[in-house]
Amino acid sequence: MTLTLEEAIARVPQWAGASDLKVSPLGGGITNINYRVDVGGESFFLRIAGANTELLGINREYEHAANLAAGRLGIAPEVIYFIQPEGYLVTRFITGRPLPPEEIRQRENIRRVMDTVRKIHMMPEIPGNFSTFRTIENYSEIARSYGVTFPRNFDWLLECMVEAEKALMTSPYAPRPCHNDLLNANFLTNGQLYIVDWEYAGMGDRFFDLANFSDHHELSDEQDRWLLECYFGEVSPTHWAHLKIMKIMSDLREATWGLVQIGISKLDFDFRDYADKFFNRVIENIHDPGWGQWLKEITKNV
């Protein structure tokens, strides 16, 4: 059952009986409806979950657990309350500013991001698992069930995805806690760097986080090398190939996410244009001669 804003506010014990409560809608989200709540001299963030978001692979219990763990480390907003069973999250409001792409791409900020992402990957195990390959498959099935139109070459794209997974599985990774949605809107700073929106968090391949951040911020090859150096202390050929393959898979995940949203979302947003943008990037990068070279690099020692 979806709660109204008033019903959600009434379910938060800390706000009971408050006479000075002020609510302000926050823009920018394309999945949920978000609010700032000012009460008792403090500011909070209230997320009203969008309709059918479980079809996007979002588990609100898992999101809560991941945000709670990251909040304790000071790299995410502190969790104040969790409205159950609806899964609406209340966190401390971060008074900070975004880091626009041109700023976050600076060398020192890439280092700050990698330092923070490494802390995520070192957290204790969190509930839920994330595989970009299974996610793409699931999104595809759901979008088809809603009659969404697919690109004509989609079957070929899935064949390329299977090829990539087979290559990467020749050197299986140890699952780590991952955020899995490191787009620009999910970073804030007030001197300290915070990462918000933990909806897709779960145990997964840390290279997906690295690639997802790089991909969403359109890092150059030089910046990708710096990213790997910041995270690992070196740039090995295998790390380079893994990152490059996962960047393409990140685009394919984003494109199929857009297809699901075309089918289910009631928000005023052009999800078709969003999906097409990422499909075009996937196609362009698979046609790059590097694609075959990266696959060979991953499997050459097997």
C-alpha atoms as a PDB file:
ATOM      1  CA  MET A   1       0.000   0.000   0.000  1.00  0.00           C
ATOM      2  CA  THR A   2       1.276   3.453  -0.904  1.00  0.00           C
ATOM      3  CA  LEU A   3       1.095   6.042   1.857  1.00  0.00           C
ATOM      4  CA  THR A   4       0.308   9.689   1.298  1.00  0.00           C
ATOM      5  CA  LEU A   5       2.932  12.188   2.436  1.00  0.00           C
ATOM      6  CA  GLU A   6       0.815  13.013   5.491  1.00  0.00           C
ATOM      7  CA  GLU A   7       0.424   9.332   6.392  1.00  0.00           C
ATOM      8  CA  ALA A   8       4.164   8.720   6.029  1.00  0.00           C
ATOM      9  CA  ILE A   9       5.028  11.680   8.261  1.00  0.00           C
ATOM     10  CA  ALA A  10       2.547  10.443  10.879  1.00  0.00           C
ATOM     11  CA  ARG A  11       4.356   7.090  11.020  1.00  0.00           C
ATOM     12  CA  VAL A  12       7.681   8.633  12.140  1.00  0.00           C
ATOM     13  CA  PRO A  13       7.731   8.579  15.977  1.00  0.00           C
ATOM     14  CA  GLN A  14      10.327  11.337  16.264  1.00  0.00           C
ATOM     15  CA  TRP A  15       7.947  13.760  14.539  1.00  0.00           C
ATOM     16  CA  ALA A  16       4.847  12.968  16.587  1.00  0.00           C
ATOM     17  CA  GLY A  17       3.105  16.063  17.883  1.00  0.00           C
ATOM     18  CA  ALA A  18       5.564  18.488  16.264  1.00  0.00           C
ATOM     19  CA  SER A  19       4.054  21.916  15.646  1.00  0.00           C
ATOM     20  CA  ASP A  20       6.945  23.342  13.641  1.00  0.00           C
ATOM     21  CA  LEU A  21       7.193  20.662  10.949  1.00  0.00           C
ATOM     22  CA  LYS A  22       7.866  22.009   7.446  1.00  0.00           C
ATOM     23  CA  VAL A  23       7.990  19.876   4.290  1.00  0.00           C
ATOM     24  CA  SER A  24       9.694  20.861   1.030  1.00  0.00           C
ATOM     25  CA  PRO A  25       9.652  18.688  -2.127  1.00  0.00           C
ATOM     26  CA  LEU A  26      13.029  17.855  -3.644  1.00  0.00           C
ATOM     27  CA  GLY A  27      13.523  17.579  -7.381  1.00  0.00           C
ATOM     28  CA  GLY A  28      15.891  15.445  -9.399  1.00  0.00           C
ATOM     29  CA  GLY A  29      14.688  11.916  -8.681  1.00  0.00           C
ATOM     30  CA  ILE A  30      13.468   9.674 -11.507  1.00  0.00           C
ATOM     31  CA  THR A  31      12.355   6.702  -9.399  1.00  0.00           C
ATOM     32  CA  ASN A  32      11.011   8.054  -6.083  1.00  0.00           C
ATOM     33  CA  ILE A  33       9.423  11.177  -4.628  1.00  0.00           C
ATOM     34  CA  ASN A  34      11.721  12.892  -2.135  1.00  0.00           C
ATOM     35  CA  TYR A  35      11.172  15.519   0.537  1.00  0.00           C
ATOM     36  CA  ARG A  36      13.113  17.622   2.990  1.00  0.00           C
ATOM     37  CA  VAL A  37      11.490  17.719   6.410  1.00  0.00           C
ATOM     38  CA  ASP A  38      12.512  20.457   8.872  1.00  0.00           C
ATOM     39  CA  VAL A  39      11.401  19.916  12.440  1.00  0.00           C
ATOM     40  CA  GLY A  40      12.731  20.720  15.899  1.00  0.00           C
ATOM     41  CA  GLY A  41      15.680  22.654  14.496  1.00  0.00           C
ATOM     42  CA  GLU A  42      16.878  19.639  12.479  1.00  0.00           C
ATOM     43  CA  SER A  43      16.568  18.643   8.820  1.00  0.00           C
ATOM     44  CA  PHE A  44      15.726  15.219   7.455  1.00  0.00           C
ATOM     45  CA  PHE A  45      15.311  13.489   4.099  1.00  0.00           C
ATOM     46  CA  LEU A  46      12.140  11.455   3.475  1.00  0.00           C
ATOM     47  CA  ARG A  47      11.908   9.087   0.521  1.00  0.00           C
ATOM     48  CA  ILE A  48       8.491   7.965  -0.706  1.00  0.00           C
ATOM     49  CA  ALA A  49       9.225   4.892  -2.805  1.00  0.00           C
ATOM     50  CA  GLY A  50       7.991   4.966  -6.399  1.00  0.00           C
ATOM     51  CA  ALA A  51       5.390   2.505  -7.641  1.00  0.00           C
ATOM     52  CA  ASN A  52       6.516  -0.986  -8.666  1.00  0.00           C
ATOM     53  CA  THR A  53      10.167  -0.304  -7.849  1.00  0.00           C
ATOM     54  CA  GLU A  54      10.615  -3.957  -6.903  1.00  0.00           C
ATOM     55  CA  LEU A  55      10.532  -4.581 -10.673  1.00  0.00           C
ATOM     56  CA  LEU A  56      13.751  -2.565 -10.887  1.00  0.00           C
ATOM     57  CA  GLY A  57      15.415  -5.004  -8.510  1.00  0.00           C
ATOM     58  CA  ILE A  58      15.024  -2.715  -5.508  1.00  0.00           C
ATOM     59  CA  ASN A  59      14.556  -4.333  -2.107  1.00  0.00           C
ATOM     60  CA  ARG A  60      13.829  -1.658   0.486  1.00  0.00           C
ATOM     61  CA  GLU A  61      14.985  -3.835   3.385  1.00  0.00           C
ATOM     62  CA  TYR A  62      18.344  -4.303   1.659  1.00  0.00           C
ATOM     63  CA  GLU A  63      18.572  -0.586   0.892  1.00  0.00           C
ATOM     64  CA  HIS A  64      17.937   0.206   4.548  1.00  0.00           C
ATOM     65  CA  ALA A  65      20.624  -2.222   5.727  1.00  0.00           C
ATOM     66  CA  ALA A  66      23.233  -0.896   3.280  1.00  0.00           C
ATOM     67  CA  ASN A  67      22.474   2.756   4.055  1.00  0.00           C
ATOM     68  CA  LEU A  68      22.597   1.972   7.772  1.00  0.00           C
ATOM     69  CA  ALA A  69      26.057   0.364   7.455  1.00  0.00           C
ATOM     70  CA  ALA A  70      27.449   3.144   5.282  1.00  0.00           C
ATOM     71  CA  GLY A  71      25.917   5.797   7.532  1.00  0.00           C
ATOM     72  CA  ARG A  72      27.764   4.376  10.518  1.00  0.00           C
ATOM     73  CA  LEU A  73      31.010   4.888   8.583  1.00  0.00           C
ATOM     74  CA  GLY A  74      30.106   8.500   7.826  1.00  0.00           C
ATOM     75  CA  ILE A  75      30.062   7.973   4.066  1.00  0.00           C
ATOM     76  CA  ALA A  76      26.252   8.051   3.742  1.00  0.00           C
ATOM     77  CA  PRO A  77      23.506  10.001   5.520  1.00  0.00           C
ATOM     78  CA  GLU A  78      22.643   8.664   8.957  1.00  0.00           C
ATOM     79  CA  VAL A  79      19.467   6.565   8.976  1.00  0.00           C
ATOM     80  CA  ILE A  80      16.882   7.972  11.397  1.00  0.00           C
ATOM     81  CA  TYR A  81      13.855   5.752  10.788  1.00  0.00           C
ATOM     82  CA  PHE A  82      12.557   3.091   8.433  1.00  0.00           C
ATOM     83  CA  ILE A  83       8.809   3.062   7.724  1.00  0.00           C
ATOM     84  CA  GLN A  84       7.697  -0.542   7.396  1.00  0.00           C
ATOM     85  CA  PRO A  85       6.346  -2.425   5.540  1.00  0.00           C
ATOM     86  CA  GLU A  86       6.222   0.273   2.861  1.00  0.00           C
ATOM     87  CA  GLY A  87       9.990   0.690   2.937  1.00  0.00           C
ATOM     88  CA  TYR A  88      10.139   4.489   3.163  1.00  0.00           C
ATOM     89  CA  LEU A  89      13.476   5.764   4.429  1.00  0.00           C
ATOM     90  CA  VAL A  90      14.163   8.725   6.702  1.00  0.00           C
ATOM     91  CA  THR A  91      17.761   9.906   6.929  1.00  0.00           C
ATOM     92  CA  ARG A  92      19.556  12.943   8.192  1.00  0.00           C
ATOM     93  CA  PHE A  93      19.514  15.699   5.565  1.00  0.00           C
ATOM     94  CA  ILE A  94      22.998  16.461   4.276  1.00  0.00           C
ATOM     95  CA  THR A  95      23.539  20.170   3.934  1.00  0.00           C
ATOM     96  CA  GLY A  96      26.050  20.039   1.155  1.00  0.00           C
ATOM     97  CA  ARG A  97      26.415  20.622  -2.525  1.00  0.00           C
ATOM     98  CA  PRO A  98      26.659  18.370  -5.551  1.00  0.00           C
ATOM     99  CA  LEU A  99      29.940  17.765  -7.331  1.00  0.00           C
ATOM    100  CA  PRO A 100      29.152  18.427 -10.993  1.00  0.00           C
ATOM    101  CA  PRO A 101      30.838  16.115 -13.531  1.00  0.00           C
ATOM    102  CA  GLU A 102      33.513  18.602 -14.542  1.00  0.00           C
ATOM    103  CA  GLU A 103      34.527  18.947 -10.888  1.00  0.00           C
ATOM    104  CA  ILE A 104      34.305  15.304  -9.827  1.00  0.00           C
ATOM    105  CA  ARG A 105      36.513  14.366 -12.802  1.00  0.00           C
ATOM    106  CA  GLN A 106      39.407  16.328 -11.316  1.00  0.00           C
ATOM    107  CA  ARG A 107      42.259  14.114 -10.155  1.00  0.00           C
ATOM    108  CA  GLU A 108      41.923  14.870  -6.460  1.00  0.00           C
ATOM    109  CA  ASN A 109      38.181  14.243  -6.521  1.00  0.00           C
ATOM    110  CA  ILE A 110      38.613  10.946  -8.358  1.00  0.00           C
ATOM    111  CA  ARG A 111      40.967   9.982  -5.537  1.00  0.00           C
ATOM    112  CA  ARG A 112      38.380  11.047  -2.929  1.00  0.00           C
ATOM    113  CA  VAL A 113      35.721   8.982  -4.659  1.00  0.00           C
ATOM    114  CA  MET A 114      37.970   5.920  -4.858  1.00  0.00           C
ATOM    115  CA  ASP A 115      38.907   6.260  -1.176  1.00  0.00           C
ATOM    116  CA  THR A 116      35.196   6.307  -0.313  1.00  0.00           C
ATOM    117  CA  VAL A 117      34.308   3.450  -2.667  1.00  0.00           C
ATOM    118  CA  ARG A 118      37.104   1.356  -1.135  1.00  0.00           C
ATOM    119  CA  LYS A 119      35.475   1.897   2.282  1.00  0.00           C
ATOM    120  CA  ILE A 120      32.196   0.577   0.855  1.00  0.00           C
ATOM    121  CA  HIS A 121      33.945  -2.501  -0.476  1.00  0.00           C
ATOM    122  CA  MET A 122      35.514  -3.126   2.949  1.00  0.00           C
ATOM    123  CA  MET A 123      32.220  -2.997   4.849  1.00  0.00           C
ATOM    124  CA  PRO A 124      30.901  -6.188   6.485  1.00  0.00           C
ATOM    125  CA  GLU A 125      28.657  -8.311   4.298  1.00  0.00           C
ATOM    126  CA  ILE A 126      25.324  -6.699   3.470  1.00  0.00           C
ATOM    127  CA  PRO A 127      22.102  -8.467   2.411  1.00  0.00           C
ATOM    128  CA  GLY A 128      21.311  -8.977  -1.259  1.00  0.00           C
ATOM    129  CA  ASN A 129      23.370  -9.843  -4.320  1.00  0.00           C
ATOM    130  CA  PHE A 130      23.960  -7.795  -7.435  1.00  0.00           C
ATOM    131  CA  SER A 131      25.044  -9.148 -10.806  1.00  0.00           C
ATOM    132  CA  THR A 132      24.869  -6.799 -13.762  1.00  0.00           C
ATOM    133  CA  PHE A 133      24.343  -9.829 -16.018  1.00  0.00           C
ATOM    134  CA  ARG A 134      21.345 -11.195 -14.106  1.00  0.00           C
ATOM    135  CA  THR A 135      19.994  -7.661 -13.743  1.00  0.00           C
ATOM    136  CA  ILE A 136      20.105  -7.083 -17.506  1.00  0.00           C
ATOM    137  CA  GLU A 137      18.330 -10.404 -18.092  1.00  0.00           C
ATOM    138  CA  ASN A 138      15.663  -9.630 -15.500  1.00  0.00           C
ATOM    139  CA  TYR A 139      15.077  -6.120 -16.823  1.00  0.00           C
ATOM    140  CA  SER A 140      14.715  -7.523 -20.343  1.00  0.00           C
ATOM    141  CA  GLU A 141      12.079 -10.039 -19.278  1.00  0.00           C
ATOM    142  CA  ILE A 142      10.104  -7.440 -17.336  1.00  0.00           C
ATOM    143  CA  ALA A 143      10.208  -4.887 -20.165  1.00  0.00           C
ATOM    144  CA  ARG A 144       8.975  -7.538 -22.632  1.00  0.00           C
ATOM    145  CA  SER A 145       6.091  -8.379 -20.297  1.00  0.00           C
ATOM    146  CA  TYR A 146       5.010  -4.728 -20.533  1.00  0.00           C
ATOM    147  CA  GLY A 147       5.181  -4.750 -24.338  1.00  0.00           C
ATOM    148  CA  VAL A 148       8.088  -2.317 -24.505  1.00  0.00           C
ATOM    149  CA  THR A 149       9.781  -1.995 -27.896  1.00  0.00           C
ATOM    150  CA  PHE A 150      13.387  -3.244 -27.980  1.00  0.00           C
ATOM    151  CA  PRO A 151      16.243  -2.269 -30.334  1.00  0.00           C
ATOM    152  CA  ARG A 152      16.361  -4.532 -33.393  1.00  0.00           C
ATOM    153  CA  ASN A 153      19.858  -5.754 -32.544  1.00  0.00           C
ATOM    154  CA  PHE A 154      19.052  -6.568 -28.906  1.00  0.00           C
ATOM    155  CA  ASP A 155      19.633 -10.326 -29.266  1.00  0.00           C
ATOM    156  CA  TRP A 156      23.121  -9.590 -30.564  1.00  0.00           C
ATOM    157  CA  LEU A 157      23.760  -7.355 -27.560  1.00  0.00           C
ATOM    158  CA  LEU A 158      22.753 -10.196 -25.243  1.00  0.00           C
ATOM    159  CA  GLU A 159      25.160 -12.513 -27.077  1.00  0.00           C
ATOM    160  CA  CYS A 160      27.941  -9.999 -26.433  1.00  0.00           C
ATOM    161  CA  MET A 161      26.908  -9.854 -22.779  1.00  0.00           C
ATOM    162  CA  VAL A 162      27.132 -13.637 -22.469  1.00  0.00           C
ATOM    163  CA  GLU A 163      30.580 -13.519 -24.077  1.00  0.00           C
ATOM    164  CA  ALA A 164      31.688 -10.919 -21.538  1.00  0.00           C
ATOM    165  CA  GLU A 165      30.354 -12.906 -18.583  1.00  0.00           C
ATOM    166  CA  LYS A 166      32.079 -16.101 -19.740  1.00  0.00           C
ATOM    167  CA  ALA A 167      35.368 -14.234 -20.021  1.00  0.00           C
ATOM    168  CA  LEU A 168      35.078 -12.616 -16.588  1.00  0.00           C
ATOM    169  CA  MET A 169      34.008 -15.862 -14.918  1.00  0.00           C
ATOM    170  CA  THR A 170      37.340 -17.454 -15.880  1.00  0.00           C
ATOM    171  CA  SER A 171      38.713 -15.476 -12.924  1.00  0.00           C
ATOM    172  CA  PRO A 172      35.825 -15.420 -10.422  1.00  0.00           C
ATOM    173  CA  TYR A 173      35.709 -12.456  -8.049  1.00  0.00           C
ATOM    174  CA  ALA A 174      35.096 -12.428  -4.311  1.00  0.00           C
ATOM    175  CA  PRO A 175      31.791 -10.566  -3.755  1.00  0.00           C
ATOM    176  CA  ARG A 176      32.122  -7.285  -1.886  1.00  0.00           C
ATOM    177  CA  PRO A 177      29.537  -4.795  -0.629  1.00  0.00           C
ATOM    178  CA  CYS A 178      28.849  -2.486  -3.584  1.00  0.00           C
ATOM    179  CA  HIS A 179      26.702   0.583  -4.181  1.00  0.00           C
ATOM    180  CA  ASN A 180      25.987  -0.191  -7.863  1.00  0.00           C
ATOM    181  CA  ASP A 181      24.527   3.212  -8.796  1.00  0.00           C
ATOM    182  CA  LEU A 182      27.326   5.773  -8.753  1.00  0.00           C
ATOM    183  CA  LEU A 183      25.781   8.379 -11.016  1.00  0.00           C
ATOM    184  CA  ASN A 184      26.627  12.021 -10.447  1.00  0.00           C
ATOM    185  CA  ALA A 185      23.436  12.908  -8.559  1.00  0.00           C
ATOM    186  CA  ASN A 186      24.384  10.447  -5.815  1.00  0.00           C
ATOM    187  CA  PHE A 187      27.414  12.418  -4.596  1.00  0.00           C
ATOM    188  CA  LEU A 188      27.309  15.297  -2.115  1.00  0.00           C
ATOM    189  CA  THR A 189      30.052  17.168  -0.304  1.00  0.00           C
ATOM    190  CA  ASN A 190      30.240  19.583   2.596  1.00  0.00           C
ATOM    191  CA  GLY A 191      33.965  19.074   3.000  1.00  0.00           C
ATOM    192  CA  GLN A 192      33.298  15.368   3.531  1.00  0.00           C
ATOM    193  CA  LEU A 193      32.180  13.228   0.584  1.00  0.00           C
ATOM    194  CA  TYR A 194      28.844  11.434   0.934  1.00  0.00           C
ATOM    195  CA  ILE A 195      27.220   8.848  -1.316  1.00  0.00           C
ATOM    196  CA  VAL A 196      23.419   8.669  -1.251  1.00  0.00           C
ATOM    197  CA  ASP A 197      20.685   6.425  -2.735  1.00  0.00           C
ATOM    198  CA  TRP A 198      21.571   2.848  -1.755  1.00  0.00           C
ATOM    199  CA  GLU A 199      18.617   1.234  -3.555  1.00  0.00           C
ATOM    200  CA  TYR A 200      20.718  -1.129  -5.672  1.00  0.00           C
ATOM    201  CA  ALA A 201      23.352  -1.972  -3.071  1.00  0.00           C
ATOM    202  CA  GLY A 202      24.326  -5.589  -2.581  1.00  0.00           C
ATOM    203  CA  MET A 203      27.197  -8.033  -2.679  1.00  0.00           C
ATOM    204  CA  GLY A 204      28.819  -7.907  -6.094  1.00  0.00           C
ATOM    205  CA  ASP A 205      31.810  -7.272  -8.313  1.00  0.00           C
ATOM    206  CA  ARG A 206      33.717  -4.212  -7.124  1.00  0.00           C
ATOM    207  CA  PHE A 207      34.734  -3.533 -10.738  1.00  0.00           C
ATOM    208  CA  PHE A 208      31.107  -2.735 -11.465  1.00  0.00           C
ATOM    209  CA  ASP A 209      31.267   0.163  -8.987  1.00  0.00           C
ATOM    210  CA  LEU A 210      34.498   1.429 -10.551  1.00  0.00           C
ATOM    211  CA  ALA A 211      33.111   1.084 -14.069  1.00  0.00           C
ATOM    212  CA  ASN A 212      29.717   2.529 -13.170  1.00  0.00           C
ATOM    213  CA  PHE A 213      31.325   5.639 -11.686  1.00  0.00           C
ATOM    214  CA  SER A 214      33.661   6.023 -14.670  1.00  0.00           C
ATOM    215  CA  ASP A 215      30.857   5.444 -17.144  1.00  0.00           C
ATOM    216  CA  HIS A 216      28.395   7.904 -15.617  1.00  0.00           C
ATOM    217  CA  HIS A 217      31.086  10.581 -15.478  1.00  0.00           C
ATOM    218  CA  GLU A 218      32.475   9.842 -18.962  1.00  0.00           C
ATOM    219  CA  LEU A 219      36.047   9.508 -17.770  1.00  0.00           C
ATOM    220  CA  SER A 220      38.781   9.511 -20.393  1.00  0.00           C
ATOM    221  CA  ASP A 221      41.353   6.722 -20.702  1.00  0.00           C
ATOM    222  CA  GLU A 222      43.813   8.875 -18.793  1.00  0.00           C
ATOM    223  CA  GLN A 223      41.281   9.412 -15.999  1.00  0.00           C
ATOM    224  CA  ASP A 224      40.463   5.683 -15.962  1.00  0.00           C
ATOM    225  CA  ARG A 225      44.138   4.895 -15.443  1.00  0.00           C
ATOM    226  CA  TRP A 226      44.246   7.358 -12.573  1.00  0.00           C
ATOM    227  CA  LEU A 227      41.088   5.796 -11.095  1.00  0.00           C
ATOM    228  CA  LEU A 228      42.701   2.340 -11.114  1.00  0.00           C
ATOM    229  CA  GLU A 229      45.936   3.716  -9.693  1.00  0.00           C
ATOM    230  CA  CYS A 230      44.002   5.401  -6.861  1.00  0.00           C
ATOM    231  CA  TYR A 231      42.079   2.224  -6.074  1.00  0.00           C
ATOM    232  CA  PHE A 232      44.710  -0.479  -6.586  1.00  0.00           C
ATOM    233  CA  GLY A 233      47.996   1.444  -6.499  1.00  0.00           C
ATOM    234  CA  GLU A 234      48.763   0.259 -10.032  1.00  0.00           C
ATOM    235  CA  VAL A 235      47.213  -0.243 -13.463  1.00  0.00           C
ATOM    236  CA  SER A 236      47.533  -3.869 -14.554  1.00  0.00           C
ATOM    237  CA  PRO A 237      46.395  -5.047 -18.028  1.00  0.00           C
ATOM    238  CA  THR A 238      43.827  -7.340 -16.406  1.00  0.00           C
ATOM    239  CA  HIS A 239      42.384  -4.557 -14.266  1.00  0.00           C
ATOM    240  CA  TRP A 240      42.211  -2.345 -17.345  1.00  0.00           C
ATOM    241  CA  ALA A 241      40.359  -4.983 -19.367  1.00  0.00           C
ATOM    242  CA  HIS A 242      37.953  -5.759 -16.504  1.00  0.00           C
ATOM    243  CA  LEU A 243      37.132  -2.076 -16.091  1.00  0.00           C
ATOM    244  CA  LYS A 244      36.557  -1.527 -19.806  1.00  0.00           C
ATOM    245  CA  ILE A 245      34.293  -4.558 -20.181  1.00  0.00           C
ATOM    246  CA  MET A 246      32.282  -3.576 -17.117  1.00  0.00           C
ATOM    247  CA  LYS A 247      31.837  -0.029 -18.424  1.00  0.00           C
ATOM    248  CA  ILE A 248      30.020  -1.466 -21.428  1.00  0.00           C
ATOM    249  CA  MET A 249      27.954  -3.752 -19.196  1.00  0.00           C
ATOM    250  CA  SER A 250      27.116  -0.746 -17.013  1.00  0.00           C
ATOM    251  CA  ASP A 251      25.730   1.011 -20.093  1.00  0.00           C
ATOM    252  CA  LEU A 252      23.693  -2.069 -21.027  1.00  0.00           C
ATOM    253  CA  ARG A 253      22.280  -2.303 -17.518  1.00  0.00           C
ATOM    254  CA  GLU A 254      21.347   1.386 -17.675  1.00  0.00           C
ATOM    255  CA  ALA A 255      19.694   0.956 -21.075  1.00  0.00           C
ATOM    256  CA  THR A 256      17.568  -2.013 -19.970  1.00  0.00           C
ATOM    257  CA  TRP A 257      16.684  -0.176 -16.741  1.00  0.00           C
ATOM    258  CA  GLY A 258      15.294   2.531 -18.998  1.00  0.00           C
ATOM    259  CA  LEU A 259      13.212  -0.051 -20.871  1.00  0.00           C
ATOM    260  CA  VAL A 260      11.607  -1.205 -17.616  1.00  0.00           C
ATOM    261  CA  GLN A 261      10.859   2.381 -16.667  1.00  0.00           C
ATOM    262  CA  ILE A 262       9.142   2.923 -20.022  1.00  0.00           C
ATOM    263  CA  GLY A 263       6.772   0.157 -19.015  1.00  0.00           C
ATOM    264  CA  ILE A 264       6.136   0.963 -15.362  1.00  0.00           C
ATOM    265  CA  SER A 265       6.948   4.593 -14.531  1.00  0.00           C
ATOM    266  CA  LYS A 266       4.318   7.281 -14.024  1.00  0.00           C
ATOM    267  CA  LEU A 267       6.927  10.015 -13.684  1.00  0.00           C
ATOM    268  CA  ASP A 268       7.232  12.796 -16.248  1.00  0.00           C
ATOM    269  CA  PHE A 269      10.572  11.736 -17.740  1.00  0.00           C
ATOM    270  CA  ASP A 270      11.630  10.617 -21.227  1.00  0.00           C
ATOM    271  CA  PHE A 271      12.838   7.103 -20.444  1.00  0.00           C
ATOM    272  CA  ARG A 272      12.905   6.155 -24.143  1.00  0.00           C
ATOM    273  CA  ASP A 273      15.498   8.830 -24.834  1.00  0.00           C
ATOM    274  CA  TYR A 274      17.394   7.695 -21.714  1.00  0.00           C
ATOM    275  CA  ALA A 275      17.467   4.062 -22.863  1.00  0.00           C
ATOM    276  CA  ASP A 276      18.453   4.963 -26.434  1.00  0.00           C
ATOM    277  CA  LYS A 277      21.371   7.056 -25.196  1.00  0.00           C
ATOM    278  CA  PHE A 278      22.878   4.081 -23.376  1.00  0.00           C
ATOM    279  CA  PHE A 279      22.084   1.539 -26.098  1.00  0.00           C
ATOM    280  CA  ASN A 280      23.962   3.739 -28.572  1.00  0.00           C
ATOM    281  CA  ARG A 281      26.963   3.843 -26.266  1.00  0.00           C
ATOM    282  CA  VAL A 282      26.958   0.053 -25.855  1.00  0.00           C
ATOM    283  CA  ILE A 283      26.863  -0.503 -29.613  1.00  0.00           C
ATOM    284  CA  GLU A 284      29.624   2.020 -30.267  1.00  0.00           C
ATOM    285  CA  ASN A 285      31.930   0.508 -27.652  1.00  0.00           C
ATOM    286  CA  ILE A 286      31.369  -3.123 -28.656  1.00  0.00           C
ATOM    287  CA  HIS A 287      32.376  -2.149 -32.185  1.00  0.00           C
ATOM    288  CA  ASP A 288      35.605  -0.689 -30.781  1.00  0.00           C
ATOM    289  CA  PRO A 289      38.619  -2.936 -31.590  1.00  0.00           C
ATOM    290  CA  GLY A 290      39.419  -2.880 -27.877  1.00  0.00           C
ATOM    291  CA  TRP A 291      36.426  -5.104 -27.094  1.00  0.00           C
ATOM    292  CA  GLY A 292      38.062  -8.247 -28.461  1.00  0.00           C
ATOM    293  CA  GLN A 293      41.423  -7.336 -26.948  1.00  0.00           C
ATOM    294  CA  TRP A 294      39.916  -6.879 -23.478  1.00  0.00           C
ATOM    295  CA  LEU A 295      38.175 -10.255 -23.658  1.00  0.00           C
ATOM    296  CA  LYS A 296      41.460 -11.929 -24.662  1.00  0.00           C
ATOM    297  CA  GLU A 297      43.347 -10.197 -21.847  1.00  0.00           C
ATOM    298  CA  ILE A 298      40.904 -11.493 -19.239  1.00  0.00           C
ATOM    299  CA  THR A 299      41.198 -15.099 -20.451  1.00  0.00           C
ATOM    300  CA  LYS A 300      44.817 -15.291 -21.602  1.00  0.00           C
ATOM    301  CA  ASN A 301      46.151 -16.906 -18.406  1.00  0.00           C
ATOM    302  CA  VAL A 302      43.417 -19.541 -18.179  1.00  0.00           C
END
